[in-house]
Protein backbone atom coordinates (compact mmCIF):
# COMPACT_ATOMS: atom_id res chain seq x y z
CA MET A 1 0.00 0.00 0.00
CA THR A 2 1.42 3.38 -1.00
CA THR A 3 1.05 6.34 1.33
CA LYS A 4 -0.29 9.52 -0.26
CA PRO A 5 2.17 12.42 -0.44
CA ASP A 6 -0.10 14.51 1.80
CA ALA A 7 0.65 12.03 4.61
CA VAL A 8 4.34 13.01 4.52
CA SER A 9 5.81 14.52 7.68
CA LEU A 10 9.16 15.76 8.94
CA ARG A 11 10.04 14.20 12.30
CA GLU A 12 12.84 14.55 14.80
CA ILE A 13 15.28 11.68 14.73
CA THR A 14 15.50 9.87 18.06
CA LYS A 15 17.50 6.98 19.49
CA ASP A 16 14.55 4.77 18.53
CA THR A 17 14.41 5.92 14.91
CA VAL A 18 18.03 6.60 13.98
CA LYS A 19 18.73 3.07 12.69
CA SER A 20 15.85 3.27 10.22
CA ILE A 21 17.16 6.61 8.92
CA LEU A 22 20.68 5.20 8.60
CA ALA A 23 19.31 2.25 6.59
CA LEU A 24 17.95 4.53 3.83
CA GLU A 25 19.94 4.62 0.61
CA VAL A 26 19.81 6.65 -2.59
CA ALA A 27 19.36 4.94 -5.95
CA GLU A 28 22.32 3.57 -7.83
CA GLY A 29 24.03 6.42 -9.66
CA GLN A 30 22.91 9.04 -7.12
CA GLU A 31 25.73 8.43 -4.65
CA ASP A 32 27.68 11.37 -6.07
CA LEU A 33 24.74 13.74 -5.54
CA VAL A 34 24.13 13.57 -1.79
CA GLY A 35 26.05 12.73 1.36
CA ASP A 36 25.43 9.52 3.30
CA ASN A 37 22.90 9.87 6.16
CA GLY A 38 25.39 8.52 8.72
CA ASN A 39 27.97 11.12 7.73
CA SER A 40 25.30 13.83 7.74
CA LEU A 41 24.13 12.95 11.25
CA ALA A 42 27.73 12.83 12.47
CA GLN A 43 28.32 16.32 11.02
CA ALA A 44 25.11 17.56 12.66
CA LEU A 45 26.36 16.49 16.09
CA PHE A 46 29.23 18.94 15.81
CA GLU A 47 27.53 21.78 13.94
CA GLU A 48 25.29 23.99 16.05
CA LYS A 49 23.63 25.39 12.91
CA ALA A 50 22.36 21.95 11.82
CA TRP A 51 18.60 21.30 11.84
CA TYR A 52 17.67 17.83 10.61
CA ARG A 53 14.61 15.62 10.27
CA GLY A 54 13.58 12.22 9.06
CA ILE A 55 11.06 12.25 6.24
CA TYR A 56 8.14 9.90 6.84
CA ALA A 57 5.29 8.63 4.68
CA GLY A 58 2.76 7.66 7.30
CA ASP A 59 4.91 5.83 9.86
CA GLU A 60 7.52 4.65 7.37
CA PRO A 61 10.84 6.49 7.09
CA VAL A 62 11.45 7.39 3.45
CA GLY A 63 14.12 10.09 3.55
CA PHE A 64 16.27 12.60 5.37
CA LEU A 65 16.93 16.32 5.15
CA MET A 66 19.20 18.74 6.94
CA LEU A 67 19.41 22.52 6.99
CA SER A 68 22.18 24.83 8.02
CA VAL A 69 20.46 27.65 9.90
CA ASP A 70 22.39 30.84 10.68
CA ARG A 71 19.88 33.21 12.26
CA GLU A 72 22.42 36.04 12.58
CA LYS A 73 23.00 36.42 8.82
CA PRO A 74 20.11 35.18 8.39
CA GLU A 75 20.77 32.19 6.18
CA PHE A 76 18.74 29.03 5.61
CA TYR A 77 20.58 26.51 3.46
CA LEU A 78 19.36 23.04 2.47
CA TRP A 79 22.48 21.08 3.30
CA ARG A 80 21.26 17.51 2.71
CA PHE A 81 18.19 15.95 1.12
CA MET A 82 17.57 12.37 0.11
CA ILE A 83 14.71 10.00 -0.57
CA ASP A 84 15.32 6.26 -0.31
CA ALA A 85 15.75 4.47 -3.65
CA LYS A 86 12.60 2.37 -3.10
CA GLN A 87 10.53 5.47 -2.28
CA GLN A 88 11.44 7.76 -5.16
CA ARG A 89 8.90 8.98 -7.75
CA LYS A 90 5.99 8.74 -5.31
CA GLY A 91 5.73 12.47 -4.51
CA TYR A 92 7.37 12.16 -1.09
CA GLY A 93 10.37 14.32 -1.96
CA LYS A 94 8.25 17.12 -3.39
CA ARG A 95 5.98 17.10 -0.34
CA ALA A 96 8.97 17.03 2.03
CA ILE A 97 10.47 20.13 0.39
CA GLU A 98 7.08 21.87 0.51
CA LEU A 99 6.93 21.13 4.26
CA LEU A 100 10.48 22.40 4.66
CA ILE A 101 9.61 25.63 2.84
CA GLU A 102 6.65 26.09 5.21
CA GLU A 103 8.94 25.50 8.19
CA VAL A 104 11.50 28.06 7.00
CA ARG A 105 8.83 30.61 6.03
CA ALA A 106 7.55 30.45 9.62
CA GLN A 107 10.90 31.82 10.85
CA PRO A 108 10.54 35.62 11.19
CA GLU A 109 14.05 36.36 9.92
CA ALA A 110 13.88 34.04 6.87
CA ARG A 111 14.13 35.83 3.53
CA GLU A 112 15.33 33.03 1.26
CA LEU A 113 16.12 29.33 1.20
CA THR A 114 19.22 28.31 -0.74
CA LEU A 115 20.71 25.04 -1.86
CA HIS A 116 23.42 23.63 -4.08
CA VAL A 117 23.04 20.96 -6.76
CA MET A 118 25.78 19.12 -8.59
CA ASP A 119 26.34 20.40 -12.12
CA LEU A 120 25.68 17.03 -13.72
CA PRO A 121 23.22 15.89 -16.40
CA HIS A 122 21.22 13.85 -13.85
CA SER A 123 21.12 16.53 -11.13
CA ALA A 124 17.93 17.74 -9.42
CA VAL A 125 17.79 21.22 -11.00
CA SER A 126 14.42 20.64 -12.69
CA PHE A 127 12.99 19.11 -9.48
CA TYR A 128 13.86 22.24 -7.51
CA GLU A 129 12.77 24.59 -10.30
CA ALA A 130 9.32 22.98 -10.18
CA LEU A 131 9.20 23.95 -6.49
CA GLY A 132 10.02 27.60 -7.24
CA PHE A 133 13.81 27.63 -6.82
CA LYS A 134 15.85 29.52 -9.40
CA LEU A 135 19.46 29.20 -10.45
CA THR A 136 21.34 32.23 -9.15
CA GLY A 137 24.16 32.07 -11.67
CA GLU A 138 26.59 31.43 -8.81
CA ARG A 139 28.74 28.34 -8.44
CA ASP A 140 30.40 26.69 -5.49
CA GLY A 141 33.02 24.42 -6.97
CA ASP A 142 31.17 21.76 -8.99
CA GLU A 143 27.80 22.85 -7.63
CA LEU A 144 25.18 25.28 -8.90
CA VAL A 145 23.52 27.60 -6.38
CA MET A 146 19.72 27.82 -6.31
CA SER A 147 17.52 30.16 -4.28
CA LEU A 148 13.89 30.46 -3.30
CA PRO A 149 12.80 33.93 -2.12
CA LEU A 150 10.47 33.70 0.85
């Protein structure tokens, strides 16, 4: 049974749920596009600006996302985002980003949400464009910078 995208939620990761988040994997060929969830969680432990959540469809973990939040600048940057290989193309990723946008918009100091995508033929540029993000024309190494005004 497939869960509808409107049943997607962003949930805190706890000691009881961390193993299920660590078990999620991107599809073959996507490994160069996003960091491993274990590495991301390890980075989050030592970065005070990290805000991270498991992505759930109903009660099933289907993905992970992490922001870097610097309220002094203010800067909201989508640092990590992944949907498990078995859960892709079901609308969960789109709904998760919509929920994230709502979360960031609720922050009084938020003016834009930024992210980077690899400059590769199979990157997620069109996915993010469909959600309102625009290429800024900036680059960060091999990555293209995208922005969503809030």
